[in-house]
N, C-alpha and C. Protein backbone atom coordinates (compact mmCIF):
# COMPACT_ATOMS: atom_id res chain seq x y z
N MET A 1 15.97 80.38 10.99
CA MET A 1 16.24 79.02 10.60
C MET A 1 15.41 78.67 9.37
N VAL A 2 16.04 78.10 8.38
CA VAL A 2 15.34 77.64 7.17
C VAL A 2 14.75 76.27 7.43
N GLN A 3 13.56 76.06 6.93
CA GLN A 3 12.89 74.79 7.17
C GLN A 3 13.47 73.73 6.23
N ALA A 4 13.91 72.58 6.79
CA ALA A 4 14.46 71.49 6.02
C ALA A 4 13.32 70.53 5.66
N ALA A 5 13.69 69.43 4.95
CA ALA A 5 12.74 68.43 4.59
C ALA A 5 12.01 67.96 5.87
N THR A 6 10.83 67.36 5.67
CA THR A 6 10.01 66.93 6.79
C THR A 6 10.79 65.94 7.71
N THR A 7 11.48 64.98 7.12
CA THR A 7 12.25 64.03 7.92
C THR A 7 13.60 63.81 7.26
N TYR A 8 14.63 63.78 8.07
CA TYR A 8 16.00 63.57 7.57
C TYR A 8 16.72 62.78 8.61
N GLU A 9 17.43 61.73 8.18
CA GLU A 9 18.13 60.85 9.12
C GLU A 9 19.50 60.49 8.59
N GLN A 10 20.50 60.54 9.46
CA GLN A 10 21.87 60.16 9.12
C GLN A 10 22.48 59.43 10.29
N GLU A 11 23.50 58.62 10.02
CA GLU A 11 24.20 57.94 11.10
C GLU A 11 25.70 57.92 10.78
N LEU A 12 26.47 58.04 11.83
CA LEU A 12 27.93 57.97 11.74
C LEU A 12 28.39 56.91 12.78
N CYS A 13 29.15 55.96 12.35
CA CYS A 13 29.74 54.98 13.25
C CYS A 13 31.26 55.18 13.19
N ILE A 14 31.85 55.29 14.38
CA ILE A 14 33.29 55.51 14.46
C ILE A 14 33.92 54.57 15.45
N ALA A 15 35.25 54.38 15.30
CA ALA A 15 36.00 53.68 16.33
C ALA A 15 36.03 54.53 17.56
N ALA A 16 36.01 53.89 18.71
CA ALA A 16 36.04 54.63 19.98
C ALA A 16 37.46 55.13 20.24
N ASP A 17 37.78 56.21 19.53
CA ASP A 17 39.14 56.74 19.59
C ASP A 17 39.06 58.27 19.48
N CYS A 18 39.82 58.96 20.29
CA CYS A 18 39.78 60.44 20.30
C CYS A 18 40.16 61.05 18.94
N SER A 19 40.90 60.31 18.14
CA SER A 19 41.26 60.83 16.81
C SER A 19 40.05 60.99 15.90
N GLU A 20 38.90 60.40 16.27
CA GLU A 20 37.68 60.44 15.47
C GLU A 20 36.80 61.65 15.83
N LEU A 21 37.16 62.40 16.83
CA LEU A 21 36.33 63.54 17.26
C LEU A 21 36.13 64.59 16.19
N GLU A 22 37.11 64.80 15.36
CA GLU A 22 36.97 65.75 14.23
C GLU A 22 35.84 65.33 13.30
N ARG A 23 35.76 63.99 13.01
CA ARG A 23 34.68 63.50 12.16
C ARG A 23 33.33 63.68 12.82
N VAL A 24 33.27 63.52 14.13
CA VAL A 24 32.03 63.72 14.89
C VAL A 24 31.60 65.17 14.78
N ARG A 25 32.51 66.09 14.97
CA ARG A 25 32.15 67.53 14.87
C ARG A 25 31.68 67.87 13.48
N SER A 26 32.39 67.38 12.45
CA SER A 26 31.99 67.66 11.10
C SER A 26 30.64 67.07 10.75
N PHE A 27 30.38 65.90 11.22
CA PHE A 27 29.09 65.24 11.00
C PHE A 27 27.94 66.04 11.63
N ALA A 28 28.11 66.39 12.91
CA ALA A 28 27.03 67.11 13.61
C ALA A 28 26.80 68.49 12.97
N ALA A 29 27.86 69.19 12.56
CA ALA A 29 27.70 70.51 11.92
C ALA A 29 27.01 70.36 10.57
N ALA A 30 27.40 69.33 9.80
CA ALA A 30 26.78 69.12 8.48
C ALA A 30 25.28 68.77 8.59
N VAL A 31 24.95 67.95 9.55
CA VAL A 31 23.52 67.61 9.74
C VAL A 31 22.75 68.86 10.15
N ALA A 32 23.26 69.61 11.11
CA ALA A 32 22.58 70.82 11.56
C ALA A 32 22.44 71.84 10.41
N ALA A 33 23.45 71.93 9.58
CA ALA A 33 23.38 72.86 8.42
C ALA A 33 22.28 72.37 7.44
N HIS A 34 22.22 71.08 7.20
CA HIS A 34 21.20 70.53 6.29
C HIS A 34 19.80 70.81 6.83
N CYS A 35 19.67 70.84 8.13
CA CYS A 35 18.37 71.08 8.75
C CYS A 35 18.06 72.58 8.87
N GLY A 36 18.96 73.42 8.37
CA GLY A 36 18.65 74.87 8.33
C GLY A 36 19.11 75.62 9.55
N PHE A 37 19.90 75.06 10.41
CA PHE A 37 20.38 75.79 11.58
C PHE A 37 21.32 76.88 11.19
N ASP A 38 21.23 78.04 11.89
CA ASP A 38 22.15 79.13 11.62
C ASP A 38 23.52 78.80 12.26
N ARG A 39 24.50 79.66 12.05
CA ARG A 39 25.86 79.35 12.46
C ARG A 39 25.94 79.07 13.97
N ARG A 40 25.29 79.89 14.75
CA ARG A 40 25.35 79.69 16.23
C ARG A 40 24.73 78.34 16.62
N ALA A 41 23.57 78.05 16.06
CA ALA A 41 22.90 76.80 16.40
C ALA A 41 23.69 75.59 15.94
N ARG A 42 24.35 75.71 14.75
CA ARG A 42 25.22 74.61 14.28
C ARG A 42 26.37 74.39 15.26
N PHE A 43 26.96 75.47 15.75
CA PHE A 43 28.08 75.40 16.70
C PHE A 43 27.61 74.72 18.00
N GLN A 44 26.42 75.07 18.46
CA GLN A 44 25.88 74.46 19.71
C GLN A 44 25.65 72.96 19.49
N ALA A 45 25.07 72.56 18.39
CA ALA A 45 24.83 71.15 18.13
C ALA A 45 26.19 70.42 18.02
N MET A 46 27.11 70.96 17.29
CA MET A 46 28.42 70.35 17.13
C MET A 46 29.11 70.17 18.47
N THR A 47 29.05 71.18 19.31
CA THR A 47 29.72 71.15 20.61
C THR A 47 29.09 70.12 21.54
N ALA A 48 27.76 70.08 21.59
CA ALA A 48 27.07 69.14 22.45
C ALA A 48 27.35 67.69 22.05
N VAL A 49 27.29 67.43 20.72
CA VAL A 49 27.57 66.06 20.25
C VAL A 49 29.01 65.68 20.48
N HIS A 50 29.94 66.59 20.24
CA HIS A 50 31.35 66.33 20.54
C HIS A 50 31.54 65.94 22.02
N GLU A 51 30.95 66.72 22.91
CA GLU A 51 31.09 66.42 24.35
C GLU A 51 30.45 65.11 24.71
N ALA A 52 29.32 64.76 24.13
CA ALA A 52 28.69 63.48 24.42
C ALA A 52 29.61 62.30 24.05
N VAL A 53 30.26 62.42 22.92
CA VAL A 53 31.20 61.37 22.49
C VAL A 53 32.46 61.38 23.35
N ALA A 54 33.02 62.57 23.57
CA ALA A 54 34.25 62.69 24.35
C ALA A 54 34.10 62.18 25.77
N CYS A 55 32.94 62.42 26.38
CA CYS A 55 32.71 61.95 27.75
C CYS A 55 32.68 60.43 27.80
N GLN A 56 32.21 59.80 26.76
CA GLN A 56 32.19 58.34 26.72
C GLN A 56 33.56 57.77 26.44
N LEU A 57 34.36 58.47 25.68
CA LEU A 57 35.72 57.96 25.38
C LEU A 57 36.60 58.01 26.60
N ASN A 58 36.28 58.88 27.55
CA ASN A 58 37.04 58.96 28.79
C ASN A 58 36.67 57.88 29.79
N GLY A 59 35.64 57.12 29.50
CA GLY A 59 35.04 56.27 30.51
C GLY A 59 35.46 54.81 30.57
N GLY A 60 36.40 54.38 29.77
CA GLY A 60 36.77 52.97 29.86
C GLY A 60 37.77 52.53 28.79
N THR A 61 37.98 51.21 28.76
CA THR A 61 38.88 50.66 27.74
C THR A 61 38.23 50.76 26.38
N LEU A 62 39.04 51.08 25.39
CA LEU A 62 38.49 51.41 24.08
C LEU A 62 38.75 50.34 23.01
N ARG A 63 39.54 49.36 23.30
CA ARG A 63 39.88 48.37 22.27
C ARG A 63 38.64 47.71 21.74
N ARG A 64 38.57 47.70 20.40
CA ARG A 64 37.46 47.05 19.67
C ARG A 64 36.11 47.60 20.05
N ARG A 65 36.07 48.85 20.37
CA ARG A 65 34.78 49.49 20.73
C ARG A 65 34.43 50.49 19.64
N SER A 66 33.16 50.81 19.55
CA SER A 66 32.71 51.82 18.56
C SER A 66 31.68 52.71 19.20
N VAL A 67 31.43 53.80 18.52
CA VAL A 67 30.44 54.78 18.95
C VAL A 67 29.55 55.04 17.76
N SER A 68 28.25 55.07 17.99
CA SER A 68 27.25 55.38 16.93
C SER A 68 26.66 56.74 17.24
N VAL A 69 26.67 57.61 16.23
CA VAL A 69 26.00 58.93 16.37
C VAL A 69 24.90 58.97 15.32
N ARG A 70 23.66 58.96 15.77
CA ARG A 70 22.51 58.98 14.87
C ARG A 70 21.80 60.30 15.00
N ALA A 71 21.41 60.85 13.86
CA ALA A 71 20.71 62.15 13.87
C ALA A 71 19.36 61.97 13.15
N LEU A 72 18.34 62.60 13.72
CA LEU A 72 17.01 62.57 13.13
C LEU A 72 16.40 63.96 13.20
N TRP A 73 15.99 64.50 12.02
CA TRP A 73 15.28 65.75 11.96
C TRP A 73 13.83 65.37 11.67
N SER A 74 12.93 65.75 12.54
CA SER A 74 11.52 65.43 12.35
C SER A 74 10.70 66.44 13.16
N GLY A 75 9.60 66.94 12.53
CA GLY A 75 8.71 67.84 13.23
C GLY A 75 9.39 69.10 13.71
N GLY A 76 10.41 69.60 13.00
CA GLY A 76 11.06 70.81 13.41
C GLY A 76 12.08 70.65 14.55
N CYS A 77 12.38 69.41 14.93
CA CYS A 77 13.32 69.14 16.02
C CYS A 77 14.45 68.23 15.50
N LEU A 78 15.65 68.60 15.87
CA LEU A 78 16.82 67.76 15.54
C LEU A 78 17.26 67.04 16.81
N THR A 79 17.33 65.70 16.72
CA THR A 79 17.72 64.91 17.87
C THR A 79 18.93 64.02 17.44
N PHE A 80 19.92 63.98 18.33
CA PHE A 80 21.06 63.11 18.15
C PHE A 80 21.02 62.05 19.24
N TRP A 81 21.32 60.79 18.88
CA TRP A 81 21.49 59.72 19.84
C TRP A 81 22.93 59.26 19.72
N ILE A 82 23.65 59.28 20.81
CA ILE A 82 25.05 58.83 20.86
C ILE A 82 25.06 57.57 21.68
N ARG A 83 25.46 56.45 21.06
CA ARG A 83 25.44 55.16 21.78
C ARG A 83 26.80 54.50 21.71
N SER A 84 27.20 53.92 22.82
CA SER A 84 28.45 53.13 22.86
C SER A 84 28.34 52.12 23.98
N GLN A 85 29.33 51.21 23.96
CA GLN A 85 29.41 50.22 25.01
C GLN A 85 30.20 50.77 26.20
N LEU A 86 30.54 52.01 26.15
CA LEU A 86 31.36 52.64 27.20
C LEU A 86 30.49 53.33 28.20
N GLN A 87 31.04 53.68 29.31
CA GLN A 87 30.32 54.44 30.36
C GLN A 87 30.67 55.91 30.21
N LEU A 88 29.72 56.76 30.48
CA LEU A 88 29.93 58.20 30.39
C LEU A 88 30.55 58.70 31.69
N GLU A 89 31.55 59.53 31.52
CA GLU A 89 32.20 60.17 32.71
C GLU A 89 31.54 61.52 32.90
N PRO A 90 30.69 61.70 33.94
CA PRO A 90 30.04 63.00 34.16
C PRO A 90 31.10 64.04 34.55
N GLY A 91 30.84 65.29 34.25
CA GLY A 91 31.74 66.37 34.59
C GLY A 91 31.43 67.58 33.73
N LEU A 92 32.47 68.34 33.40
CA LEU A 92 32.32 69.53 32.61
C LEU A 92 31.61 69.27 31.29
N GLY A 93 31.94 68.14 30.63
CA GLY A 93 31.35 67.81 29.36
C GLY A 93 29.84 67.69 29.42
N THR A 94 29.32 67.10 30.50
CA THR A 94 27.86 66.98 30.64
C THR A 94 27.24 68.34 30.89
N GLN A 95 27.92 69.20 31.61
CA GLN A 95 27.42 70.56 31.82
C GLN A 95 27.36 71.34 30.49
N ILE A 96 28.43 71.17 29.67
CA ILE A 96 28.45 71.83 28.35
C ILE A 96 27.30 71.34 27.48
N MET A 97 27.03 70.03 27.52
CA MET A 97 25.91 69.50 26.74
C MET A 97 24.60 70.18 27.15
N ARG A 98 24.41 70.32 28.46
CA ARG A 98 23.17 70.95 28.97
C ARG A 98 23.05 72.42 28.58
N LEU A 99 24.19 73.09 28.45
CA LEU A 99 24.18 74.51 28.03
C LEU A 99 23.84 74.64 26.55
N CYS A 100 24.26 73.68 25.74
CA CYS A 100 24.12 73.78 24.30
C CYS A 100 22.83 73.18 23.74
N ALA A 101 22.32 72.16 24.36
CA ALA A 101 21.14 71.47 23.84
C ALA A 101 19.89 71.89 24.62
N ARG A 102 18.74 71.81 23.95
CA ARG A 102 17.48 72.13 24.60
C ARG A 102 17.12 71.04 25.62
N ASP A 103 17.40 69.78 25.22
CA ASP A 103 17.07 68.65 26.09
C ASP A 103 18.22 67.64 26.09
N VAL A 104 18.66 67.22 27.25
CA VAL A 104 19.74 66.21 27.38
C VAL A 104 19.23 65.08 28.24
N TYR A 105 19.31 63.87 27.71
CA TYR A 105 18.88 62.69 28.45
C TYR A 105 20.01 61.69 28.39
N ILE A 106 20.53 61.24 29.54
CA ILE A 106 21.63 60.29 29.61
C ILE A 106 21.09 59.01 30.22
N LEU A 107 21.21 57.91 29.51
CA LEU A 107 20.72 56.61 29.94
C LEU A 107 21.91 55.68 30.08
N PRO A 108 22.44 55.56 31.30
CA PRO A 108 23.51 54.62 31.53
C PRO A 108 22.94 53.19 31.68
N GLY A 109 23.74 52.19 31.29
CA GLY A 109 23.29 50.83 31.45
C GLY A 109 24.49 49.92 31.52
N GLN A 110 24.26 48.67 31.81
CA GLN A 110 25.35 47.71 31.91
C GLN A 110 25.98 47.49 30.53
N GLY A 111 25.23 47.66 29.47
CA GLY A 111 25.75 47.47 28.12
C GLY A 111 26.36 48.69 27.53
N GLY A 112 26.41 49.82 28.30
CA GLY A 112 26.97 51.04 27.79
C GLY A 112 26.11 52.23 28.11
N THR A 113 26.21 53.24 27.28
CA THR A 113 25.49 54.52 27.56
C THR A 113 24.86 55.02 26.28
N THR A 114 23.67 55.56 26.41
CA THR A 114 23.02 56.32 25.32
C THR A 114 22.78 57.76 25.81
N VAL A 115 23.13 58.69 24.98
CA VAL A 115 22.88 60.08 25.25
C VAL A 115 21.95 60.59 24.15
N ARG A 116 20.90 61.27 24.56
CA ARG A 116 19.96 61.87 23.58
C ARG A 116 20.03 63.37 23.76
N LEU A 117 20.33 64.06 22.66
CA LEU A 117 20.42 65.53 22.64
C LEU A 117 19.36 66.07 21.66
N SER A 118 18.51 66.96 22.12
CA SER A 118 17.51 67.56 21.23
C SER A 118 17.75 69.05 21.11
N PHE A 119 17.52 69.54 19.91
CA PHE A 119 17.74 70.97 19.58
C PHE A 119 16.48 71.53 18.89
């Protein structure tokens, strides 16, 4: 892995719609590439972030809803926060996240869900 800048931060806000999942995958892969991740690590980051968003899109009504995907590279660690007003549907997607990311933290709340993925 090539060492990236000390700190790097990006955010993607999308409509809560399955048609936006391609943008989510591209965003996660681009951020991981910028941070020096090799092909396998980029794929793992892309897959975990995709699943975090997809699990939330399955969890409720989507009209006028959005999803925020924030990425932060700091201290040699890449962390994504996926936030929405939707509820996460646990299942295969959450298992895939746990296989791909070093650390997965899911914080459900009345106002929605936040998923933190660290690589």
